[in-house]
Amino acid sequence: MRHSSISGMAYSLGTTRLRVEESAEAGRLRSPAADLVSAGFGSHYICRPEETAYELAAAAVRELPLSGGVDAIVYNTCLPGNGNTGDPALWERTRDVKHLMDFPASRLQADFALSSAVVFGLGQQGCTGMLGALRLANALLAAEPDWGTVLCVTSDRFPDGALYEQSYNVISDGAAACLVSRDQGEPGNPGGSGSSGASGDPGVSGKSLGYRIVASHQITNGGLHSASDDETVGLFFSYVPRLVRQTVEKAGLTTADIDWVIPQNTNGNAWKIAARLLGFPEERICQSTLSDIGHAISADNVINLSALADSGAIEPGQRLLLVMAGHGLNWQATILEATETAP
């Protein structure tokens, strides 16, 4: 069986850091600041008006070791508007739809001189899109024996004037990127590159860990696409345990075989309940960036995994469960196994 691994990670955030209280006073949030602080949120990051989602993506990709070459780019956006870098005013003036198809993935390929890479755009998966990108990358490497590395990117910023709260979670504008490579020694692998974690500047840590993709799983219930915030919160406690159990079963494991759970930065109180439902010790739920960053749309898994790697807590052989819920409604999970990589 062919395996692929995540061999590098980085992320970037909007340049303006705000305390929850500041955003509440400015009318960016629905809930009282005290309620959000009690749920674990402390601050978040938003883009300046002139800052684009594509610039966030490029900042993250710039920190990755791309010298080994890239065969494909999987570029995910949660908000459809972030899938176009064209000027809406040109579309309105000319009525020419090409101005709605200035794709950020194509621009990324050109800007980083990845001329041999083909491009896949991924959307309509809500905040689960990065896990969807990892799953697609893994499948592409299995289907294309001559390919060695896929670049996965997710990037979103909210439109100016948007509320920065979704389903009682404080949102940050952010992007994340990683390399998914065929494991060393397998056909098509150029040898692999990169390291495991990233700190928030962005940057890539020097710890020599890779993460083999063990299993991925997704549940979609399109009939719930218009669920209210309260309904979405209630569904979390039904669908996340189901997702986790189906994912570990798919991998031939049990929840007891999982060493770390790395979720999105949603309400910390919700994950305390979910941990009890699943039998996970709370200290094994890694949301260490929740207070500082909040929910960075589809980038949370990369951000929290990077922070855990930088802490030195991950050991080779440990299994990590990445979990995300998103609009659509979608729930996705990926199991990784930490491995040592060549220096």
C-alpha atoms as a PDB file:
ATOM      1  CA  MET A   1       0.000   0.000   0.000  1.00  0.00           C
ATOM      2  CA  ARG A   2       1.277   3.453  -0.894  1.00  0.00           C
ATOM      3  CA  HIS A   3       1.383   6.047   1.838  1.00  0.00           C
ATOM      4  CA  SER A   4       1.769   9.800   1.795  1.00  0.00           C
ATOM      5  CA  SER A   5       2.742  12.200   4.541  1.00  0.00           C
ATOM      6  CA  ILE A   6       2.512  15.839   5.448  1.00  0.00           C
ATOM      7  CA  SER A   7       6.070  17.079   5.206  1.00  0.00           C
ATOM      8  CA  GLY A   8       5.765  20.792   5.910  1.00  0.00           C
ATOM      9  CA  MET A   9       3.310  23.276   7.407  1.00  0.00           C
ATOM     10  CA  ALA A  10       2.970  27.044   7.672  1.00  0.00           C
ATOM     11  CA  TYR A  11       0.228  29.588   8.258  1.00  0.00           C
ATOM     12  CA  SER A  12      -0.428  33.306   8.198  1.00  0.00           C
ATOM     13  CA  LEU A  13      -3.007  35.576   9.796  1.00  0.00           C
ATOM     14  CA  GLY A  14      -4.558  38.961   9.176  1.00  0.00           C
ATOM     15  CA  THR A  15      -2.203  41.684  10.349  1.00  0.00           C
ATOM     16  CA  THR A  16      -4.539  43.445  12.804  1.00  0.00           C
ATOM     17  CA  ARG A  17      -4.796  41.799  16.231  1.00  0.00           C
ATOM     18  CA  LEU A  18      -7.830  42.751  18.286  1.00  0.00           C
ATOM     19  CA  ARG A  19      -9.023  41.785  21.727  1.00  0.00           C
ATOM     20  CA  VAL A  20     -12.501  40.295  21.866  1.00  0.00           C
ATOM     21  CA  GLU A  21     -13.649  43.279  23.908  1.00  0.00           C
ATOM     22  CA  GLU A  22     -12.441  45.667  21.188  1.00  0.00           C
ATOM     23  CA  SER A  23     -14.309  43.813  18.458  1.00  0.00           C
ATOM     24  CA  ALA A  24     -17.442  43.659  20.570  1.00  0.00           C
ATOM     25  CA  GLU A  25     -17.315  47.414  21.128  1.00  0.00           C
ATOM     26  CA  ALA A  26     -16.818  47.940  17.375  1.00  0.00           C
ATOM     27  CA  GLY A  27     -19.914  45.857  16.545  1.00  0.00           C
ATOM     28  CA  ARG A  28     -18.035  42.953  14.927  1.00  0.00           C
ATOM     29  CA  LEU A  29     -19.552  40.335  17.256  1.00  0.00           C
ATOM     30  CA  ARG A  30     -23.078  39.214  18.121  1.00  0.00           C
ATOM     31  CA  SER A  31     -22.477  37.757  21.581  1.00  0.00           C
ATOM     32  CA  PRO A  32     -21.410  39.701  24.675  1.00  0.00           C
ATOM     33  CA  ALA A  33     -17.640  39.792  25.021  1.00  0.00           C
ATOM     34  CA  ALA A  34     -17.822  38.205  28.478  1.00  0.00           C
ATOM     35  CA  ASP A  35     -19.594  35.132  27.062  1.00  0.00           C
ATOM     36  CA  LEU A  36     -16.977  34.667  24.364  1.00  0.00           C
ATOM     37  CA  VAL A  37     -14.104  35.123  26.815  1.00  0.00           C
ATOM     38  CA  SER A  38     -15.652  32.490  29.093  1.00  0.00           C
ATOM     39  CA  ALA A  39     -15.682  30.135  26.071  1.00  0.00           C
ATOM     40  CA  GLY A  40     -11.918  30.546  25.701  1.00  0.00           C
ATOM     41  CA  PHE A  41     -11.603  33.361  23.166  1.00  0.00           C
ATOM     42  CA  GLY A  42      -9.229  36.209  23.937  1.00  0.00           C
ATOM     43  CA  SER A  43      -8.179  37.858  20.690  1.00  0.00           C
ATOM     44  CA  HIS A  44      -8.379  37.410  16.934  1.00  0.00           C
ATOM     45  CA  TYR A  45      -6.764  38.670  13.734  1.00  0.00           C
ATOM     46  CA  ILE A  46      -8.422  40.519  10.874  1.00  0.00           C
ATOM     47  CA  CYS A  47      -7.138  41.828   7.566  1.00  0.00           C
ATOM     48  CA  ARG A  48      -6.614  45.462   6.759  1.00  0.00           C
ATOM     49  CA  PRO A  49      -9.067  46.666   4.072  1.00  0.00           C
ATOM     50  CA  GLU A  50      -6.411  46.382   1.364  1.00  0.00           C
ATOM     51  CA  GLU A  51      -5.198  42.938   2.476  1.00  0.00           C
ATOM     52  CA  THR A  52      -6.486  40.022   0.380  1.00  0.00           C
ATOM     53  CA  ALA A  53      -7.038  36.334   0.990  1.00  0.00           C
ATOM     54  CA  TYR A  54      -4.515  35.632  -1.750  1.00  0.00           C
ATOM     55  CA  GLU A  55      -1.845  37.615   0.109  1.00  0.00           C
ATOM     56  CA  LEU A  56      -2.496  35.478   3.185  1.00  0.00           C
ATOM     57  CA  ALA A  57      -2.084  32.334   1.094  1.00  0.00           C
ATOM     58  CA  ALA A  58       1.139  33.556  -0.497  1.00  0.00           C
ATOM     59  CA  ALA A  59       2.579  34.464   2.916  1.00  0.00           C
ATOM     60  CA  ALA A  60       2.012  30.914   4.155  1.00  0.00           C
ATOM     61  CA  VAL A  61       3.324  29.223   0.993  1.00  0.00           C
ATOM     62  CA  ARG A  62       6.411  31.423   1.061  1.00  0.00           C
ATOM     63  CA  GLU A  63       7.524  29.660   4.264  1.00  0.00           C
ATOM     64  CA  LEU A  64       7.443  26.162   2.762  1.00  0.00           C
ATOM     65  CA  PRO A  65      10.428  24.357   1.216  1.00  0.00           C
ATOM     66  CA  LEU A  66       9.326  24.168  -2.411  1.00  0.00           C
ATOM     67  CA  SER A  67      12.721  23.359  -3.893  1.00  0.00           C
ATOM     68  CA  GLY A  68      11.811  19.678  -4.317  1.00  0.00           C
ATOM     69  CA  GLY A  69       9.122  20.554  -6.837  1.00  0.00           C
ATOM     70  CA  VAL A  70       5.327  20.395  -6.756  1.00  0.00           C
ATOM     71  CA  ASP A  71       3.172  18.266  -9.042  1.00  0.00           C
ATOM     72  CA  ALA A  72      -0.225  19.670  -8.082  1.00  0.00           C
ATOM     73  CA  ILE A  73      -1.815  22.482  -6.088  1.00  0.00           C
ATOM     74  CA  VAL A  74      -5.057  21.956  -4.186  1.00  0.00           C
ATOM     75  CA  TYR A  75      -6.314  25.431  -3.258  1.00  0.00           C
ATOM     76  CA  ASN A  76      -9.307  25.616  -0.915  1.00  0.00           C
ATOM     77  CA  THR A  77     -11.532  28.536  -0.032  1.00  0.00           C
ATOM     78  CA  CYS A  78     -14.442  28.471   2.386  1.00  0.00           C
ATOM     79  CA  LEU A  79     -16.071  31.692   1.172  1.00  0.00           C
ATOM     80  CA  PRO A  80     -16.764  31.600  -2.585  1.00  0.00           C
ATOM     81  CA  GLY A  81     -15.666  35.218  -3.004  1.00  0.00           C
ATOM     82  CA  ASN A  82     -12.132  34.291  -1.948  1.00  0.00           C
ATOM     83  CA  GLY A  83     -11.900  31.978  -4.967  1.00  0.00           C
ATOM     84  CA  ASN A  84     -11.538  34.980  -7.286  1.00  0.00           C
ATOM     85  CA  THR A  85      -8.803  37.609  -7.219  1.00  0.00           C
ATOM     86  CA  GLY A  86     -10.392  39.659 -10.004  1.00  0.00           C
ATOM     87  CA  ASP A  87     -11.863  43.120  -9.577  1.00  0.00           C
ATOM     88  CA  PRO A  88     -15.669  42.970  -9.156  1.00  0.00           C
ATOM     89  CA  ALA A  89     -15.887  46.521 -10.492  1.00  0.00           C
ATOM     90  CA  LEU A  90     -14.538  45.348 -13.855  1.00  0.00           C
ATOM     91  CA  TRP A  91     -17.245  42.681 -14.035  1.00  0.00           C
ATOM     92  CA  GLU A  92     -19.929  45.236 -13.208  1.00  0.00           C
ATOM     93  CA  ARG A  93     -18.622  47.675 -15.813  1.00  0.00           C
ATOM     94  CA  THR A  94     -17.903  45.215 -18.647  1.00  0.00           C
ATOM     95  CA  ARG A  95     -20.345  42.365 -17.859  1.00  0.00           C
ATOM     96  CA  ASP A  96     -17.477  40.053 -18.875  1.00  0.00           C
ATOM     97  CA  VAL A  97     -17.390  37.021 -16.578  1.00  0.00           C
ATOM     98  CA  LYS A  98     -13.658  36.502 -17.053  1.00  0.00           C
ATOM     99  CA  HIS A  99     -13.256  39.030 -14.239  1.00  0.00           C
ATOM    100  CA  LEU A 100     -14.984  36.501 -11.968  1.00  0.00           C
ATOM    101  CA  MET A 101     -12.469  33.798 -12.914  1.00  0.00           C
ATOM    102  CA  ASP A 102      -9.127  35.249 -11.891  1.00  0.00           C
ATOM    103  CA  PHE A 103      -8.333  32.137  -9.889  1.00  0.00           C
ATOM    104  CA  PRO A 104      -5.939  32.440  -6.936  1.00  0.00           C
ATOM    105  CA  ALA A 105      -4.514  28.949  -7.489  1.00  0.00           C
ATOM    106  CA  SER A 106      -3.387  29.866 -10.996  1.00  0.00           C
ATOM    107  CA  ARG A 107      -1.853  33.076  -9.696  1.00  0.00           C
ATOM    108  CA  LEU A 108      -0.062  31.109  -6.974  1.00  0.00           C
ATOM    109  CA  GLN A 109       1.342  28.688  -9.546  1.00  0.00           C
ATOM    110  CA  ALA A 110       2.713  31.574 -11.593  1.00  0.00           C
ATOM    111  CA  ASP A 111       4.019  33.659  -8.687  1.00  0.00           C
ATOM    112  CA  PHE A 112       5.953  30.736  -7.210  1.00  0.00           C
ATOM    113  CA  ALA A 113       7.197  29.432 -10.576  1.00  0.00           C
ATOM    114  CA  LEU A 114       5.498  26.048 -10.077  1.00  0.00           C
ATOM    115  CA  SER A 115       5.174  25.616 -13.822  1.00  0.00           C
ATOM    116  CA  SER A 116       4.872  21.827 -13.782  1.00  0.00           C
ATOM    117  CA  ALA A 117       2.054  21.794 -11.224  1.00  0.00           C
ATOM    118  CA  VAL A 118      -1.572  21.321 -12.190  1.00  0.00           C
ATOM    119  CA  VAL A 119      -4.259  23.127 -10.254  1.00  0.00           C
ATOM    120  CA  PHE A 120      -7.379  21.948  -8.399  1.00  0.00           C
ATOM    121  CA  GLY A 121      -9.793  24.376  -6.769  1.00  0.00           C
ATOM    122  CA  LEU A 122     -11.749  23.101  -3.784  1.00  0.00           C
ATOM    123  CA  GLY A 123     -14.798  24.719  -2.203  1.00  0.00           C
ATOM    124  CA  GLN A 124     -18.251  24.151  -0.729  1.00  0.00           C
ATOM    125  CA  GLN A 125     -16.806  22.295   2.264  1.00  0.00           C
ATOM    126  CA  GLY A 126     -17.045  25.103   4.799  1.00  0.00           C
ATOM    127  CA  CYS A 127     -14.344  25.111   7.446  1.00  0.00           C
ATOM    128  CA  THR A 128     -13.470  21.473   6.703  1.00  0.00           C
ATOM    129  CA  GLY A 129     -11.757  22.379   3.436  1.00  0.00           C
ATOM    130  CA  MET A 130      -8.141  21.858   4.497  1.00  0.00           C
ATOM    131  CA  LEU A 131      -8.904  18.299   5.580  1.00  0.00           C
ATOM    132  CA  GLY A 132     -10.671  17.845   2.248  1.00  0.00           C
ATOM    133  CA  ALA A 133      -7.546  19.124   0.500  1.00  0.00           C
ATOM    134  CA  LEU A 134      -5.390  16.604   2.378  1.00  0.00           C
ATOM    135  CA  ARG A 135      -7.735  13.800   1.387  1.00  0.00           C
ATOM    136  CA  LEU A 136      -7.698  14.864  -2.254  1.00  0.00           C
ATOM    137  CA  ALA A 137      -3.891  15.173  -2.223  1.00  0.00           C
ATOM    138  CA  ASN A 138      -3.550  11.683  -0.785  1.00  0.00           C
ATOM    139  CA  ALA A 139      -5.873  10.293  -3.464  1.00  0.00           C
ATOM    140  CA  LEU A 140      -4.031  12.113  -6.246  1.00  0.00           C
ATOM    141  CA  LEU A 141      -0.681  10.690  -5.158  1.00  0.00           C
ATOM    142  CA  ALA A 142      -2.191   7.212  -5.111  1.00  0.00           C
ATOM    143  CA  ALA A 143      -3.650   7.668  -8.593  1.00  0.00           C
ATOM    144  CA  GLU A 144      -0.642   9.343 -10.235  1.00  0.00           C
ATOM    145  CA  PRO A 145       2.450   7.130  -9.861  1.00  0.00           C
ATOM    146  CA  ASP A 146       4.783   9.770 -11.305  1.00  0.00           C
ATOM    147  CA  TRP A 147       3.757  12.454  -8.820  1.00  0.00           C
ATOM    148  CA  GLY A 148       5.680  13.049  -5.607  1.00  0.00           C
ATOM    149  CA  THR A 149       4.313  16.182  -3.912  1.00  0.00           C
ATOM    150  CA  VAL A 150       1.035  18.102  -3.707  1.00  0.00           C
ATOM    151  CA  LEU A 151       0.803  21.590  -2.236  1.00  0.00           C
ATOM    152  CA  CYS A 152      -2.361  22.100  -0.160  1.00  0.00           C
ATOM    153  CA  VAL A 153      -3.492  25.649   0.569  1.00  0.00           C
ATOM    154  CA  THR A 154      -6.499  27.146   2.311  1.00  0.00           C
ATOM    155  CA  SER A 155      -7.089  30.877   2.606  1.00  0.00           C
ATOM    156  CA  ASP A 156     -10.027  33.056   3.597  1.00  0.00           C
ATOM    157  CA  ARG A 157     -10.718  36.522   4.835  1.00  0.00           C
ATOM    158  CA  PHE A 158     -14.128  37.908   5.723  1.00  0.00           C
ATOM    159  CA  PRO A 159     -15.445  40.812   3.626  1.00  0.00           C
ATOM    160  CA  ASP A 160     -15.057  44.291   5.081  1.00  0.00           C
ATOM    161  CA  GLY A 161     -17.954  44.994   7.415  1.00  0.00           C
ATOM    162  CA  ALA A 162     -18.696  41.321   8.130  1.00  0.00           C
ATOM    163  CA  LEU A 163     -19.464  40.031  11.606  1.00  0.00           C
ATOM    164  CA  TYR A 164     -16.479  38.097  12.955  1.00  0.00           C
ATOM    165  CA  GLU A 165     -18.590  35.591  14.859  1.00  0.00           C
ATOM    166  CA  GLN A 166     -20.059  32.341  13.545  1.00  0.00           C
ATOM    167  CA  SER A 167     -22.046  29.904  15.699  1.00  0.00           C
ATOM    168  CA  TYR A 168     -20.699  31.581  18.864  1.00  0.00           C
ATOM    169  CA  ASN A 169     -17.082  31.391  17.684  1.00  0.00           C
ATOM    170  CA  VAL A 170     -14.718  34.329  17.168  1.00  0.00           C
ATOM    171  CA  ILE A 171     -13.206  34.278  13.670  1.00  0.00           C
ATOM    172  CA  SER A 172      -9.739  35.204  12.407  1.00  0.00           C
ATOM    173  CA  ASP A 173      -8.803  35.836   8.807  1.00  0.00           C
ATOM    174  CA  GLY A 174      -6.104  33.296   7.984  1.00  0.00           C
ATOM    175  CA  ALA A 175      -4.399  30.903   5.621  1.00  0.00           C
ATOM    176  CA  ALA A 176      -2.501  27.640   5.973  1.00  0.00           C
ATOM    177  CA  ALA A 177      -0.374  25.587   3.629  1.00  0.00           C
ATOM    178  CA  CYS A 178       1.369  22.234   3.727  1.00  0.00           C
ATOM    179  CA  LEU A 179       3.122  19.745   1.473  1.00  0.00           C
ATOM    180  CA  VAL A 180       1.785  16.233   1.060  1.00  0.00           C
ATOM    181  CA  SER A 181       4.451  13.918  -0.331  1.00  0.00           C
ATOM    182  CA  ARG A 182       4.683  10.272  -1.217  1.00  0.00           C
ATOM    183  CA  ASP A 183       6.599   8.475   1.519  1.00  0.00           C
ATOM    184  CA  GLN A 184      10.315   8.067   0.921  1.00  0.00           C
ATOM    185  CA  GLY A 185      11.350   4.965  -0.953  1.00  0.00           C
ATOM    186  CA  GLU A 186       8.122   4.708  -2.933  1.00  0.00           C
ATOM    187  CA  PRO A 187       7.847   5.230  -6.691  1.00  0.00           C
ATOM    188  CA  GLY A 188       7.499   8.849  -7.728  1.00  0.00           C
ATOM    189  CA  ASN A 189       8.833  10.309  -4.476  1.00  0.00           C
ATOM    190  CA  PRO A 190      11.663  12.786  -4.998  1.00  0.00           C
ATOM    191  CA  GLY A 191      12.908  12.285  -1.455  1.00  0.00           C
ATOM    192  CA  GLY A 192      10.587  14.513   0.489  1.00  0.00           C
ATOM    193  CA  SER A 193      11.305  17.854   2.096  1.00  0.00           C
ATOM    194  CA  GLY A 194      10.211  20.076   4.912  1.00  0.00           C
ATOM    195  CA  SER A 195       9.600  19.873   8.606  1.00  0.00           C
ATOM    196  CA  SER A 196       6.647  19.525  10.828  1.00  0.00           C
ATOM    197  CA  GLY A 197       5.372  22.605  12.491  1.00  0.00           C
ATOM    198  CA  ALA A 198       4.911  26.314  12.053  1.00  0.00           C
ATOM    199  CA  SER A 199       4.782  29.170  14.482  1.00  0.00           C
ATOM    200  CA  GLY A 200       2.550  32.114  13.805  1.00  0.00           C
ATOM    201  CA  ASP A 201       4.752  34.696  12.104  1.00  0.00           C
ATOM    202  CA  PRO A 202       4.469  32.537   9.819  1.00  0.00           C
ATOM    203  CA  GLY A 203       7.397  30.105   9.827  1.00  0.00           C
ATOM    204  CA  VAL A 204       8.369  26.471   9.782  1.00  0.00           C
ATOM    205  CA  SER A 205       9.736  24.776  12.884  1.00  0.00           C
ATOM    206  CA  GLY A 206      12.907  22.748  12.858  1.00  0.00           C
ATOM    207  CA  LYS A 207      11.571  19.625  14.529  1.00  0.00           C
ATOM    208  CA  SER A 208      12.106  16.545  12.340  1.00  0.00           C
ATOM    209  CA  LEU A 209       8.630  15.052  12.306  1.00  0.00           C
ATOM    210  CA  GLY A 210       6.426  14.030   9.448  1.00  0.00           C
ATOM    211  CA  TYR A 211       2.808  12.919   9.587  1.00  0.00           C
ATOM    212  CA  ARG A 212       1.705   9.868   7.631  1.00  0.00           C
ATOM    213  CA  ILE A 213      -1.925  10.018   6.519  1.00  0.00           C
ATOM    214  CA  VAL A 214      -3.626   6.939   7.979  1.00  0.00           C
ATOM    215  CA  ALA A 215      -7.307   7.540   7.210  1.00  0.00           C
ATOM    216  CA  SER A 216      -9.757  10.269   6.217  1.00  0.00           C
ATOM    217  CA  HIS A 217     -13.513  10.409   6.532  1.00  0.00           C
ATOM    218  CA  GLN A 218     -16.310  12.862   5.775  1.00  0.00           C
ATOM    219  CA  ILE A 219     -20.004  13.199   6.567  1.00  0.00           C
ATOM    220  CA  THR A 220     -22.193  15.670   4.667  1.00  0.00           C
ATOM    221  CA  ASN A 221     -25.832  16.412   5.403  1.00  0.00           C
ATOM    222  CA  GLY A 222     -26.904  18.917   2.777  1.00  0.00           C
ATOM    223  CA  GLY A 223     -30.413  19.069   4.190  1.00  0.00           C
ATOM    224  CA  LEU A 224     -28.951  21.056   7.092  1.00  0.00           C
ATOM    225  CA  HIS A 225     -27.366  23.752   4.916  1.00  0.00           C
ATOM    226  CA  SER A 226     -29.613  26.439   6.406  1.00  0.00           C
ATOM    227  CA  ALA A 227     -29.266  25.385  10.046  1.00  0.00           C
ATOM    228  CA  SER A 228     -29.315  28.215  12.583  1.00  0.00           C
ATOM    229  CA  ASP A 229     -26.423  28.874  14.935  1.00  0.00           C
ATOM    230  CA  ASP A 230     -28.226  27.118  17.775  1.00  0.00           C
ATOM    231  CA  GLU A 231     -29.041  24.135  15.564  1.00  0.00           C
ATOM    232  CA  THR A 232     -25.425  23.972  14.372  1.00  0.00           C
ATOM    233  CA  VAL A 233     -24.180  23.852  17.964  1.00  0.00           C
ATOM    234  CA  GLY A 234     -26.650  21.094  18.824  1.00  0.00           C
ATOM    235  CA  LEU A 235     -25.664  19.063  15.781  1.00  0.00           C
ATOM    236  CA  PHE A 236     -22.009  19.252  16.839  1.00  0.00           C
ATOM    237  CA  PHE A 237     -22.670  16.870  19.718  1.00  0.00           C
ATOM    238  CA  SER A 238     -24.444  14.404  17.461  1.00  0.00           C
ATOM    239  CA  TYR A 239     -22.232  14.405  14.383  1.00  0.00           C
ATOM    240  CA  VAL A 240     -18.735  14.815  15.822  1.00  0.00           C
ATOM    241  CA  PRO A 241     -18.872  11.630  17.960  1.00  0.00           C
ATOM    242  CA  ARG A 242     -20.305   9.758  14.958  1.00  0.00           C
ATOM    243  CA  LEU A 243     -17.569  11.132  12.698  1.00  0.00           C
ATOM    244  CA  VAL A 244     -14.800  10.208  15.126  1.00  0.00           C
ATOM    245  CA  ARG A 245     -16.044   6.671  15.679  1.00  0.00           C
ATOM    246  CA  GLN A 246     -16.459   6.036  11.949  1.00  0.00           C
ATOM    247  CA  THR A 247     -12.997   7.436  11.220  1.00  0.00           C
ATOM    248  CA  VAL A 248     -11.145   5.313  13.782  1.00  0.00           C
ATOM    249  CA  GLU A 249     -13.108   2.247  12.678  1.00  0.00           C
ATOM    250  CA  LYS A 250     -12.105   2.956   9.085  1.00  0.00           C
ATOM    251  CA  ALA A 251      -8.474   2.955  10.214  1.00  0.00           C
ATOM    252  CA  GLY A 252      -8.890  -0.305  12.129  1.00  0.00           C
ATOM    253  CA  LEU A 253      -8.383   1.541  15.421  1.00  0.00           C
ATOM    254  CA  THR A 254     -10.346   2.565  18.489  1.00  0.00           C
ATOM    255  CA  THR A 255     -10.513   5.911  20.244  1.00  0.00           C
ATOM    256  CA  ALA A 256      -8.087   4.482  22.813  1.00  0.00           C
ATOM    257  CA  ASP A 257      -5.446   4.298  20.056  1.00  0.00           C
ATOM    258  CA  ILE A 258      -5.539   8.081  19.518  1.00  0.00           C
ATOM    259  CA  ASP A 259      -2.859  10.023  21.390  1.00  0.00           C
ATOM    260  CA  TRP A 260      -3.880  13.576  20.497  1.00  0.00           C
ATOM    261  CA  VAL A 261      -7.085  15.192  19.229  1.00  0.00           C
ATOM    262  CA  ILE A 262      -6.458  18.366  17.229  1.00  0.00           C
ATOM    263  CA  PRO A 263      -9.750  20.131  16.553  1.00  0.00           C
ATOM    264  CA  GLN A 264     -10.727  23.498  15.169  1.00  0.00           C
ATOM    265  CA  ASN A 265     -10.730  26.456  17.526  1.00  0.00           C
ATOM    266  CA  THR A 266     -14.383  26.361  18.391  1.00  0.00           C
ATOM    267  CA  ASN A 267     -15.943  27.088  21.757  1.00  0.00           C
ATOM    268  CA  GLY A 268     -13.699  25.398  24.320  1.00  0.00           C
ATOM    269  CA  ASN A 269     -16.671  24.396  26.455  1.00  0.00           C
ATOM    270  CA  ALA A 270     -18.077  22.383  23.543  1.00  0.00           C
ATOM    271  CA  TRP A 271     -14.900  20.332  23.243  1.00  0.00           C
ATOM    272  CA  LYS A 272     -14.884  19.584  26.969  1.00  0.00           C
ATOM    273  CA  ILE A 273     -18.280  17.959  26.486  1.00  0.00           C
ATOM    274  CA  ALA A 274     -17.224  16.198  23.283  1.00  0.00           C
ATOM    275  CA  ALA A 275     -14.133  14.810  25.016  1.00  0.00           C
ATOM    276  CA  ARG A 276     -16.303  13.210  27.672  1.00  0.00           C
ATOM    277  CA  LEU A 277     -18.681  11.804  25.054  1.00  0.00           C
ATOM    278  CA  LEU A 278     -15.753  10.209  23.232  1.00  0.00           C
ATOM    279  CA  GLY A 279     -13.749   9.132  26.263  1.00  0.00           C
ATOM    280  CA  PHE A 280     -10.771  11.363  25.464  1.00  0.00           C
ATOM    281  CA  PRO A 281      -8.843  12.927  28.376  1.00  0.00           C
ATOM    282  CA  GLU A 282      -9.257  16.705  28.185  1.00  0.00           C
ATOM    283  CA  GLU A 283      -5.498  17.199  28.400  1.00  0.00           C
ATOM    284  CA  ARG A 284      -5.177  15.358  25.060  1.00  0.00           C
ATOM    285  CA  ILE A 285      -7.400  17.880  23.254  1.00  0.00           C
ATOM    286  CA  CYS A 286      -5.055  20.399  21.640  1.00  0.00           C
ATOM    287  CA  GLN A 287      -6.640  23.840  21.307  1.00  0.00           C
ATOM    288  CA  SER A 288      -3.674  25.771  22.629  1.00  0.00           C
ATOM    289  CA  THR A 289      -4.087  28.642  20.162  1.00  0.00           C
ATOM    290  CA  LEU A 290      -7.791  29.208  20.869  1.00  0.00           C
ATOM    291  CA  SER A 291      -7.329  32.192  23.163  1.00  0.00           C
ATOM    292  CA  ASP A 292      -4.862  34.047  20.959  1.00  0.00           C
ATOM    293  CA  ILE A 293      -6.124  33.264  17.456  1.00  0.00           C
ATOM    294  CA  GLY A 294      -9.725  32.110  17.676  1.00  0.00           C
ATOM    295  CA  HIS A 295     -11.245  30.187  14.779  1.00  0.00           C
ATOM    296  CA  ALA A 296      -9.150  30.794  11.623  1.00  0.00           C
ATOM    297  CA  ILE A 297     -11.745  29.244   9.311  1.00  0.00           C
ATOM    298  CA  SER A 298     -10.135  26.174   7.638  1.00  0.00           C
ATOM    299  CA  ALA A 299      -6.620  26.737   8.998  1.00  0.00           C
ATOM    300  CA  ASP A 300      -7.153  25.647  12.611  1.00  0.00           C
ATOM    301  CA  ASN A 301      -5.898  22.068  12.323  1.00  0.00           C
ATOM    302  CA  VAL A 302      -2.584  23.206  10.841  1.00  0.00           C
ATOM    303  CA  ILE A 303      -2.243  25.974  13.433  1.00  0.00           C
ATOM    304  CA  ASN A 304      -2.931  23.709  16.409  1.00  0.00           C
ATOM    305  CA  LEU A 305      -0.827  20.831  15.068  1.00  0.00           C
ATOM    306  CA  SER A 306       2.044  23.251  14.504  1.00  0.00           C
ATOM    307  CA  ALA A 307       1.774  24.545  18.068  1.00  0.00           C
ATOM    308  CA  LEU A 308       1.715  21.022  19.482  1.00  0.00           C
ATOM    309  CA  ALA A 309       4.763  20.029  17.422  1.00  0.00           C
ATOM    310  CA  ASP A 310       6.643  23.144  18.511  1.00  0.00           C
ATOM    311  CA  SER A 311       5.946  22.265  22.150  1.00  0.00           C
ATOM    312  CA  GLY A 312       7.869  18.998  21.712  1.00  0.00           C
ATOM    313  CA  ALA A 313       4.930  16.938  22.971  1.00  0.00           C
ATOM    314  CA  ILE A 314       4.529  14.744  19.873  1.00  0.00           C
ATOM    315  CA  GLU A 315       6.544  11.519  19.723  1.00  0.00           C
ATOM    316  CA  PRO A 316       7.124   9.318  16.661  1.00  0.00           C
ATOM    317  CA  GLY A 317       4.510   6.597  16.475  1.00  0.00           C
ATOM    318  CA  GLN A 318       1.792   8.650  18.130  1.00  0.00           C
ATOM    319  CA  ARG A 319      -1.539   8.976  16.342  1.00  0.00           C
ATOM    320  CA  LEU A 320      -3.233  12.308  15.921  1.00  0.00           C
ATOM    321  CA  LEU A 321      -6.880  12.889  15.075  1.00  0.00           C
ATOM    322  CA  LEU A 322      -7.706  16.107  13.203  1.00  0.00           C
ATOM    323  CA  VAL A 323     -11.401  17.059  13.409  1.00  0.00           C
ATOM    324  CA  MET A 324     -13.375  19.846  11.747  1.00  0.00           C
ATOM    325  CA  ALA A 325     -17.019  20.841  11.354  1.00  0.00           C
ATOM    326  CA  GLY A 326     -18.202  23.309   8.747  1.00  0.00           C
ATOM    327  CA  HIS A 327     -21.128  24.764   6.892  1.00  0.00           C
ATOM    328  CA  GLY A 328     -22.731  22.708   4.221  1.00  0.00           C
ATOM    329  CA  LEU A 329     -23.122  20.976   6.670  1.00  0.00           C
ATOM    330  CA  ASN A 330     -19.860  19.007   6.608  1.00  0.00           C
ATOM    331  CA  TRP A 331     -17.802  17.142   9.165  1.00  0.00           C
ATOM    332  CA  GLN A 332     -14.351  15.797   8.325  1.00  0.00           C
ATOM    333  CA  ALA A 333     -11.603  13.974  10.213  1.00  0.00           C
ATOM    334  CA  THR A 334      -8.107  12.761   9.366  1.00  0.00           C
ATOM    335  CA  ILE A 335      -5.880  10.420  11.360  1.00  0.00           C
ATOM    336  CA  LEU A 336      -2.126  11.016  11.158  1.00  0.00           C
ATOM    337  CA  GLU A 337       0.771   9.007  12.519  1.00  0.00           C
ATOM    338  CA  ALA A 338       3.850  10.950  13.572  1.00  0.00           C
ATOM    339  CA  THR A 339       7.048   9.713  11.963  1.00  0.00           C
ATOM    340  CA  GLU A 340      10.684  10.726  12.127  1.00  0.00           C
ATOM    341  CA  THR A 341      11.986  12.365   8.975  1.00  0.00           C
ATOM    342  CA  ALA A 342      15.487  12.478   7.583  1.00  0.00           C
ATOM    343  CA  PRO A 343      17.517  15.484   8.814  1.00  0.00           C
END
